[in-house]
Amino acid sequence: MFNQCIRPPTTLLSKQSTRAVFSLPSSSQRPSFISVARMATVAGNRVSDRIKHDHRELETYYNKIKSAKSDDEKVRWQNQFVWELARHSIAEELVVYPAMEHVPDGLKLAEKDRSEHQIVKEKLYEFQQMEASDPSFIPAIDSLWETLGQHIKEEEQDDLPLLEKHIEEGDSQKMAASFDRTKHFVPTQSHPGAPDRPPYETVAGLMAAPIDKLMDMFKKFPSAEERKI
C-alpha cells in the first residue's frame, strides 16, 4: 500500500544527478540538524516559536531563490527550501495537528491545515523536480509561495494562538521538542500521495526518508555560513 502512495523518486534522481558532481559535497554544504537544546536557544521554547522560526527560514530561502544570480545558486537554495519545507510539513502533521484536534474548534482548523498542506505538497513535488534553467522555475516557486504564505499567515494568526491558549506551557515545550525530533526522521522531499496523519504517515515516512536522505548526499546546498539567518 505504501509503495503506491509514495511516488517513485527515479525521475527526480536522474534530474538531480545532473546538478551534482560524482563526489559527495563537503559537510558544510549539506543541510545539518540542530539539536533540540540548541533550537530552544535559537527559536524559543514553545511549539509556536519553533514553527514560526521555520516559517522565517522558509521565507529567507524563497527570497534567496528569487535573488540568485546563477542557476547553480538557484539549485542550492531550491534544495534547501525543499529540504526544510518537506520536514516542517510532516512534523506539523504528526505532532501539531493531532494536538490541535483536541482543543475547542481545533478539529476544523486541523482539517483545513491538512487540506492546505496537500496543495503545498503537490506544488512542492513539481518544483523539486524542476531545473533552474526552466522558464517555469521562478513562476513555480512564486505560485508555491503564494499558497504557502497564505497558509503561514493564517496559521500564525489563528491556529497557533488557539493551540497555545488551551495547552500548558510545559506541554507546549514538550511538543516543541517532539516537533524538532520528528524533523530528524521524516522524508526530505515532497510525497503528496503519502498519508497525512499518524500512524500511516509515520510508517510511510520511515520508508521514504532513507531514500530521500541518500539522494540529499549528492545534491548541492548552500554553505553553513550562507544558511545563517
C-alpha atoms as a PDB file:
ATOM      1  CA  MET A   1       0.000   0.000   0.000  1.00  0.00           C
ATOM      2  CA  PHE A   2       2.753   2.455   0.951  1.00  0.00           C
ATOM      3  CA  ASN A   3       4.711   1.714  -2.209  1.00  0.00           C
ATOM      4  CA  GLN A   4       1.735   3.043  -4.119  1.00  0.00           C
ATOM      5  CA  CYS A   5       1.256   6.172  -2.055  1.00  0.00           C
ATOM      6  CA  ILE A   6       4.877   7.332  -2.250  1.00  0.00           C
ATOM      7  CA  ARG A   7       5.787   8.361  -5.757  1.00  0.00           C
ATOM      8  CA  PRO A   8       8.947   6.793  -7.186  1.00  0.00           C
ATOM      9  CA  PRO A   9      11.942   9.139  -6.987  1.00  0.00           C
ATOM     10  CA  THR A  10      13.661   7.862 -10.140  1.00  0.00           C
ATOM     11  CA  THR A  11      12.797  10.897 -12.263  1.00  0.00           C
ATOM     12  CA  LEU A  12      13.950  13.258  -9.567  1.00  0.00           C
ATOM     13  CA  LEU A  13      17.154  11.322  -9.020  1.00  0.00           C
ATOM     14  CA  SER A  14      18.054  11.389 -12.691  1.00  0.00           C
ATOM     15  CA  LYS A  15      17.481  15.126 -12.894  1.00  0.00           C
ATOM     16  CA  GLN A  16      19.225  15.934  -9.653  1.00  0.00           C
ATOM     17  CA  SER A  17      22.224  13.859 -10.661  1.00  0.00           C
ATOM     18  CA  THR A  18      22.956  16.360 -13.416  1.00  0.00           C
ATOM     19  CA  ARG A  19      23.319  19.034 -10.783  1.00  0.00           C
ATOM     20  CA  ALA A  20      25.947  17.284  -8.697  1.00  0.00           C
ATOM     21  CA  VAL A  21      29.458  16.085  -9.323  1.00  0.00           C
ATOM     22  CA  PHE A  22      30.023  12.412  -8.622  1.00  0.00           C
ATOM     23  CA  SER A  23      31.596  13.039  -5.243  1.00  0.00           C
ATOM     24  CA  LEU A  24      29.895  13.944  -2.018  1.00  0.00           C
ATOM     25  CA  PRO A  25      29.630  17.645  -1.175  1.00  0.00           C
ATOM     26  CA  SER A  26      31.503  18.682   1.943  1.00  0.00           C
ATOM     27  CA  SER A  27      29.589  18.552   5.219  1.00  0.00           C
ATOM     28  CA  SER A  28      29.415  22.361   5.293  1.00  0.00           C
ATOM     29  CA  GLN A  29      27.487  22.237   2.017  1.00  0.00           C
ATOM     30  CA  ARG A  30      24.878  19.747   3.213  1.00  0.00           C
ATOM     31  CA  PRO A  31      21.975  20.673   5.487  1.00  0.00           C
ATOM     32  CA  SER A  32      22.551  19.842   9.122  1.00  0.00           C
ATOM     33  CA  PHE A  33      20.231  19.106  12.023  1.00  0.00           C
ATOM     34  CA  ILE A  34      20.168  21.395  15.053  1.00  0.00           C
ATOM     35  CA  SER A  35      19.871  19.726  18.443  1.00  0.00           C
ATOM     36  CA  VAL A  36      16.697  20.200  20.470  1.00  0.00           C
ATOM     37  CA  ALA A  37      18.604  22.157  23.126  1.00  0.00           C
ATOM     38  CA  ARG A  38      20.238  24.414  20.552  1.00  0.00           C
ATOM     39  CA  MET A  39      16.919  25.033  18.798  1.00  0.00           C
ATOM     40  CA  ALA A  40      15.381  26.198  22.077  1.00  0.00           C
ATOM     41  CA  THR A  41      18.101  28.836  22.283  1.00  0.00           C
ATOM     42  CA  VAL A  42      17.708  29.883  18.658  1.00  0.00           C
ATOM     43  CA  ALA A  43      13.933  29.782  18.249  1.00  0.00           C
ATOM     44  CA  GLY A  44      12.328  29.770  21.713  1.00  0.00           C
ATOM     45  CA  ASN A  45      10.820  27.113  23.956  1.00  0.00           C
ATOM     46  CA  ARG A  46       7.207  26.889  22.835  1.00  0.00           C
ATOM     47  CA  VAL A  47       5.993  24.914  19.839  1.00  0.00           C
ATOM     48  CA  SER A  48       4.657  28.078  18.205  1.00  0.00           C
ATOM     49  CA  ASP A  49       8.148  29.586  18.470  1.00  0.00           C
ATOM     50  CA  ARG A  50       9.655  26.619  16.638  1.00  0.00           C
ATOM     51  CA  ILE A  51       7.064  26.738  13.867  1.00  0.00           C
ATOM     52  CA  LYS A  52       7.440  30.479  13.368  1.00  0.00           C
ATOM     53  CA  HIS A  53      11.220  30.085  13.216  1.00  0.00           C
ATOM     54  CA  ASP A  54      10.778  27.551  10.412  1.00  0.00           C
ATOM     55  CA  HIS A  55       8.456  29.945   8.625  1.00  0.00           C
ATOM     56  CA  ARG A  56      11.067  32.724   8.719  1.00  0.00           C
ATOM     57  CA  GLU A  57      13.699  30.332   7.387  1.00  0.00           C
ATOM     58  CA  LEU A  58      11.448  29.286   4.513  1.00  0.00           C
ATOM     59  CA  GLU A  59      10.764  32.901   3.636  1.00  0.00           C
ATOM     60  CA  THR A  60      14.508  33.571   3.611  1.00  0.00           C
ATOM     61  CA  TYR A  61      15.141  30.587   1.326  1.00  0.00           C
ATOM     62  CA  TYR A  62      12.385  31.717  -1.028  1.00  0.00           C
ATOM     63  CA  ASN A  63      13.937  35.168  -1.283  1.00  0.00           C
ATOM     64  CA  LYS A  64      17.358  33.606  -1.874  1.00  0.00           C
ATOM     65  CA  ILE A  65      15.951  31.641  -4.808  1.00  0.00           C
ATOM     66  CA  LYS A  66      14.414  34.808  -6.229  1.00  0.00           C
ATOM     67  CA  SER A  67      17.610  36.847  -5.895  1.00  0.00           C
ATOM     68  CA  ALA A  68      20.039  34.140  -7.054  1.00  0.00           C
ATOM     69  CA  LYS A  69      22.436  35.307  -9.767  1.00  0.00           C
ATOM     70  CA  SER A  70      23.151  31.916 -11.338  1.00  0.00           C
ATOM     71  CA  ASP A  71      21.446  28.584 -11.953  1.00  0.00           C
ATOM     72  CA  ASP A  72      23.890  26.922  -9.562  1.00  0.00           C
ATOM     73  CA  GLU A  73      22.883  29.305  -6.777  1.00  0.00           C
ATOM     74  CA  LYS A  74      19.190  28.767  -7.551  1.00  0.00           C
ATOM     75  CA  VAL A  75      19.613  24.991  -7.318  1.00  0.00           C
ATOM     76  CA  ARG A  76      21.335  25.196  -3.933  1.00  0.00           C
ATOM     77  CA  TRP A  77      18.549  27.284  -2.441  1.00  0.00           C
ATOM     78  CA  GLN A  78      15.907  25.189  -4.192  1.00  0.00           C
ATOM     79  CA  ASN A  79      17.296  22.097  -2.485  1.00  0.00           C
ATOM     80  CA  GLN A  80      17.441  23.890   0.874  1.00  0.00           C
ATOM     81  CA  PHE A  81      13.867  25.128   0.536  1.00  0.00           C
ATOM     82  CA  VAL A  82      12.534  21.676  -0.390  1.00  0.00           C
ATOM     83  CA  TRP A  83      14.515  20.011   2.410  1.00  0.00           C
ATOM     84  CA  GLU A  84      13.124  22.347   5.059  1.00  0.00           C
ATOM     85  CA  LEU A  85       9.524  22.563   3.860  1.00  0.00           C
ATOM     86  CA  ALA A  86       9.106  18.800   3.459  1.00  0.00           C
ATOM     87  CA  ARG A  87      10.342  18.136   7.003  1.00  0.00           C
ATOM     88  CA  HIS A  88       8.393  21.017   8.510  1.00  0.00           C
ATOM     89  CA  SER A  89       5.101  19.974   6.926  1.00  0.00           C
ATOM     90  CA  ILE A  90       5.286  16.355   8.036  1.00  0.00           C
ATOM     91  CA  ALA A  91       6.352  17.293  11.566  1.00  0.00           C
ATOM     92  CA  GLU A  92       3.306  19.538  11.848  1.00  0.00           C
ATOM     93  CA  GLU A  93       1.032  16.750  10.630  1.00  0.00           C
ATOM     94  CA  LEU A  94       2.496  14.207  13.046  1.00  0.00           C
ATOM     95  CA  VAL A  95       2.905  16.365  16.143  1.00  0.00           C
ATOM     96  CA  VAL A  96       0.947  19.618  15.998  1.00  0.00           C
ATOM     97  CA  TYR A  97      -2.286  18.858  14.169  1.00  0.00           C
ATOM     98  CA  PRO A  98      -3.217  15.828  16.315  1.00  0.00           C
ATOM     99  CA  ALA A  99      -2.873  18.082  19.379  1.00  0.00           C
ATOM    100  CA  MET A 100      -4.898  20.805  17.670  1.00  0.00           C
ATOM    101  CA  GLU A 101      -7.787  18.388  17.214  1.00  0.00           C
ATOM    102  CA  HIS A 102      -8.275  18.234  20.993  1.00  0.00           C
ATOM    103  CA  VAL A 103      -8.810  21.952  21.600  1.00  0.00           C
ATOM    104  CA  PRO A 104     -12.149  23.746  21.036  1.00  0.00           C
ATOM    105  CA  ASP A 105     -12.755  24.328  17.312  1.00  0.00           C
ATOM    106  CA  GLY A 106      -9.373  22.772  16.627  1.00  0.00           C
ATOM    107  CA  LEU A 107     -10.590  19.794  14.612  1.00  0.00           C
ATOM    108  CA  LYS A 108     -11.901  22.040  11.845  1.00  0.00           C
ATOM    109  CA  LEU A 109      -8.666  24.019  11.775  1.00  0.00           C
ATOM    110  CA  ALA A 110      -6.542  20.876  11.656  1.00  0.00           C
ATOM    111  CA  GLU A 111      -8.519  19.542   8.710  1.00  0.00           C
ATOM    112  CA  LYS A 112      -8.207  22.885   6.933  1.00  0.00           C
ATOM    113  CA  ASP A 113      -4.459  22.878   7.524  1.00  0.00           C
ATOM    114  CA  ARG A 114      -4.098  19.345   6.166  1.00  0.00           C
ATOM    115  CA  SER A 115      -6.022  20.325   3.028  1.00  0.00           C
ATOM    116  CA  GLU A 116      -3.759  23.333   2.526  1.00  0.00           C
ATOM    117  CA  HIS A 117      -0.695  21.169   3.110  1.00  0.00           C
ATOM    118  CA  GLN A 118      -1.818  18.826   0.352  1.00  0.00           C
ATOM    119  CA  ILE A 119      -1.896  21.672  -2.152  1.00  0.00           C
ATOM    120  CA  VAL A 120       1.534  22.823  -0.979  1.00  0.00           C
ATOM    121  CA  LYS A 121       2.932  19.292  -1.248  1.00  0.00           C
ATOM    122  CA  GLU A 122       1.680  18.904  -4.803  1.00  0.00           C
ATOM    123  CA  LYS A 123       3.248  22.205  -5.833  1.00  0.00           C
ATOM    124  CA  LEU A 124       6.460  21.338  -3.997  1.00  0.00           C
ATOM    125  CA  TYR A 125       6.607  17.961  -5.732  1.00  0.00           C
ATOM    126  CA  GLU A 126       6.535  19.689  -9.109  1.00  0.00           C
ATOM    127  CA  PHE A 127       9.035  22.350  -8.063  1.00  0.00           C
ATOM    128  CA  GLN A 128      11.571  19.916  -6.593  1.00  0.00           C
ATOM    129  CA  GLN A 129      11.891  18.223  -9.983  1.00  0.00           C
ATOM    130  CA  MET A 130      12.467  21.398 -11.980  1.00  0.00           C
ATOM    131  CA  GLU A 131      15.756  22.547 -13.466  1.00  0.00           C
ATOM    132  CA  ALA A 132      16.799  26.089 -12.590  1.00  0.00           C
ATOM    133  CA  SER A 133      17.083  26.871 -16.303  1.00  0.00           C
ATOM    134  CA  ASP A 134      13.415  26.025 -16.866  1.00  0.00           C
ATOM    135  CA  PRO A 135      11.449  29.206 -17.748  1.00  0.00           C
ATOM    136  CA  SER A 136       8.747  27.970 -15.348  1.00  0.00           C
ATOM    137  CA  PHE A 137      11.160  27.731 -12.401  1.00  0.00           C
ATOM    138  CA  ILE A 138      10.528  31.172 -10.876  1.00  0.00           C
ATOM    139  CA  PRO A 139       6.778  31.174 -11.657  1.00  0.00           C
ATOM    140  CA  ALA A 140       6.563  27.770  -9.942  1.00  0.00           C
ATOM    141  CA  ILE A 141       8.208  28.934  -6.707  1.00  0.00           C
ATOM    142  CA  ASP A 142       6.118  32.132  -6.783  1.00  0.00           C
ATOM    143  CA  SER A 143       2.931  30.079  -7.060  1.00  0.00           C
ATOM    144  CA  LEU A 144       4.092  27.780  -4.289  1.00  0.00           C
ATOM    145  CA  TRP A 145       4.978  30.678  -2.016  1.00  0.00           C
ATOM    146  CA  GLU A 146       1.662  32.415  -2.658  1.00  0.00           C
ATOM    147  CA  THR A 147      -0.157  29.326  -1.362  1.00  0.00           C
ATOM    148  CA  LEU A 148       2.293  28.665   1.451  1.00  0.00           C
ATOM    149  CA  GLY A 149       2.460  32.312   2.512  1.00  0.00           C
ATOM    150  CA  GLN A 150      -1.305  32.487   2.994  1.00  0.00           C
ATOM    151  CA  HIS A 151      -1.215  29.240   4.975  1.00  0.00           C
ATOM    152  CA  ILE A 152       1.580  30.607   7.175  1.00  0.00           C
ATOM    153  CA  LYS A 153      -0.334  33.831   7.805  1.00  0.00           C
ATOM    154  CA  GLU A 154      -3.482  32.007   8.908  1.00  0.00           C
ATOM    155  CA  GLU A 155      -1.538  29.506  10.983  1.00  0.00           C
ATOM    156  CA  GLU A 156       0.304  32.225  12.884  1.00  0.00           C
ATOM    157  CA  GLN A 157      -2.736  34.470  13.339  1.00  0.00           C
ATOM    158  CA  ASP A 158      -5.377  31.863  14.184  1.00  0.00           C
ATOM    159  CA  ASP A 159      -4.199  28.285  14.669  1.00  0.00           C
ATOM    160  CA  LEU A 160      -1.119  28.632  16.854  1.00  0.00           C
ATOM    161  CA  PRO A 161      -2.635  31.199  19.258  1.00  0.00           C
ATOM    162  CA  LEU A 162      -5.654  28.903  19.708  1.00  0.00           C
ATOM    163  CA  LEU A 163      -3.436  25.916  20.425  1.00  0.00           C
ATOM    164  CA  GLU A 164      -1.206  27.800  22.867  1.00  0.00           C
ATOM    165  CA  LYS A 165      -4.268  29.191  24.660  1.00  0.00           C
ATOM    166  CA  HIS A 166      -5.503  25.709  25.540  1.00  0.00           C
ATOM    167  CA  ILE A 167      -2.285  23.912  26.498  1.00  0.00           C
ATOM    168  CA  GLU A 168       0.068  24.397  29.424  1.00  0.00           C
ATOM    169  CA  GLU A 169       3.467  25.944  28.810  1.00  0.00           C
ATOM    170  CA  GLY A 170       5.163  22.689  29.785  1.00  0.00           C
ATOM    171  CA  ASP A 171       3.092  20.768  27.253  1.00  0.00           C
ATOM    172  CA  SER A 172       3.967  23.316  24.582  1.00  0.00           C
ATOM    173  CA  GLN A 173       7.660  22.895  25.366  1.00  0.00           C
ATOM    174  CA  LYS A 174       7.377  19.107  25.176  1.00  0.00           C
ATOM    175  CA  MET A 175       5.574  19.423  21.865  1.00  0.00           C
ATOM    176  CA  ALA A 176       8.335  21.714  20.601  1.00  0.00           C
ATOM    177  CA  ALA A 177      10.955  19.108  21.480  1.00  0.00           C
ATOM    178  CA  SER A 178       8.895  16.381  19.795  1.00  0.00           C
ATOM    179  CA  PHE A 179       8.480  18.584  16.718  1.00  0.00           C
ATOM    180  CA  ASP A 180      12.254  19.045  16.476  1.00  0.00           C
ATOM    181  CA  ARG A 181      12.995  15.350  16.958  1.00  0.00           C
ATOM    182  CA  THR A 182      10.405  14.332  14.378  1.00  0.00           C
ATOM    183  CA  LYS A 183      12.074  16.505  11.735  1.00  0.00           C
ATOM    184  CA  HIS A 184      15.202  14.340  12.094  1.00  0.00           C
ATOM    185  CA  PHE A 185      13.422  11.186  10.896  1.00  0.00           C
ATOM    186  CA  VAL A 186      10.949  12.234   8.213  1.00  0.00           C
ATOM    187  CA  PRO A 187      11.356  12.491   4.421  1.00  0.00           C
ATOM    188  CA  THR A 188      13.201  15.472   2.980  1.00  0.00           C
ATOM    189  CA  GLN A 189      11.286  15.504  -0.315  1.00  0.00           C
ATOM    190  CA  SER A 190       7.612  16.023  -1.052  1.00  0.00           C
ATOM    191  CA  HIS A 191       5.499  12.853  -1.359  1.00  0.00           C
ATOM    192  CA  PRO A 192       1.974  14.188  -1.970  1.00  0.00           C
ATOM    193  CA  GLY A 193       0.487  10.710  -2.343  1.00  0.00           C
ATOM    194  CA  ALA A 194       1.522   9.658   1.168  1.00  0.00           C
ATOM    195  CA  PRO A 195      -0.898   9.625   4.144  1.00  0.00           C
ATOM    196  CA  ASP A 196      -1.153  12.916   6.044  1.00  0.00           C
ATOM    197  CA  ARG A 197      -1.817  11.702   9.579  1.00  0.00           C
ATOM    198  CA  PRO A 198      -0.448   9.124  12.038  1.00  0.00           C
ATOM    199  CA  PRO A 199       0.055   6.216  12.213  1.00  0.00           C
ATOM    200  CA  TYR A 200       0.119   5.689   8.441  1.00  0.00           C
ATOM    201  CA  GLU A 201       2.135   8.837   7.721  1.00  0.00           C
ATOM    202  CA  THR A 202       4.722   7.670  10.255  1.00  0.00           C
ATOM    203  CA  VAL A 203       5.175   4.318   8.522  1.00  0.00           C
ATOM    204  CA  ALA A 204       5.237   5.832   5.037  1.00  0.00           C
ATOM    205  CA  GLY A 205       7.739   8.426   6.187  1.00  0.00           C
ATOM    206  CA  LEU A 206      10.078   5.842   7.664  1.00  0.00           C
ATOM    207  CA  MET A 207      10.056   4.055   4.314  1.00  0.00           C
ATOM    208  CA  ALA A 208      10.712   7.156   2.212  1.00  0.00           C
ATOM    209  CA  ALA A 209      13.183   9.008   4.445  1.00  0.00           C
ATOM    210  CA  PRO A 210      16.273   6.807   3.831  1.00  0.00           C
ATOM    211  CA  ILE A 211      15.892   7.167   0.052  1.00  0.00           C
ATOM    212  CA  ASP A 212      15.441  10.924   0.313  1.00  0.00           C
ATOM    213  CA  LYS A 213      18.462  11.311   2.563  1.00  0.00           C
ATOM    214  CA  LEU A 214      20.618   9.208   0.259  1.00  0.00           C
ATOM    215  CA  MET A 215      19.636  11.477  -2.619  1.00  0.00           C
ATOM    216  CA  ASP A 216      20.444  14.544  -0.488  1.00  0.00           C
ATOM    217  CA  MET A 217      24.038  13.384  -0.190  1.00  0.00           C
ATOM    218  CA  PHE A 218      24.556  14.004  -3.904  1.00  0.00           C
ATOM    219  CA  LYS A 219      22.827  17.385  -4.065  1.00  0.00           C
ATOM    220  CA  LYS A 220      24.257  20.855  -3.777  1.00  0.00           C
ATOM    221  CA  PHE A 221      23.215  23.039  -0.844  1.00  0.00           C
ATOM    222  CA  PRO A 222      24.200  26.489   0.414  1.00  0.00           C
ATOM    223  CA  SER A 223      27.173  26.551   2.768  1.00  0.00           C
ATOM    224  CA  ALA A 224      26.629  26.630   6.530  1.00  0.00           C
ATOM    225  CA  GLU A 225      27.615  30.294   6.561  1.00  0.00           C
ATOM    226  CA  GLU A 226      25.170  31.145   3.784  1.00  0.00           C
ATOM    227  CA  ARG A 227      22.337  29.364   5.615  1.00  0.00           C
ATOM    228  CA  LYS A 228      22.604  31.586   8.685  1.00  0.00           C
ATOM    229  CA  ILE A 229      19.648  33.942   9.018  1.00  0.00           C
END
